Amino acid sequence: MDAPDPNAIAHETTGHGGRFVYTAQGAEAELTYAHAPTVAGQKRVSADHTYVPDSMRGQGIAARLVDALIATAREQQWQVIPRCSYVVVAFQRHPEWSDVRAD
């Protein structure tokens, strides 16, 4: 399978949060988030779970899901609270994302 097209990542929302999802060959990879309390007028989301099935691993899909989260956070003016271990490490690897990381 080729690397995922960033445009193929869907953003689904619910009343409590949402998820970024990539679907291929009947399998889904996802990054979920929940709305967190607003602080000083700043909207925040908690990135709480990233899952990529075995059949999709090693293709950069989790990284593309986090990229979609970061792009949406910038567009929507969210601050991201990294709770999922994958997202925590992604923020450590990308100091240029500090503008969307919640303190």
Foldseek 3Di string as FASTA:
>chain_A
DAADDLVQWDWAADPFWTWTWHDDPHDIWIWTWGWDDADPNATEIEGADTDDDPVPPPRCPSVSRVVVVLVVCVVVVYAYAYHYPVNVVVCVVCVVSVSRHDD
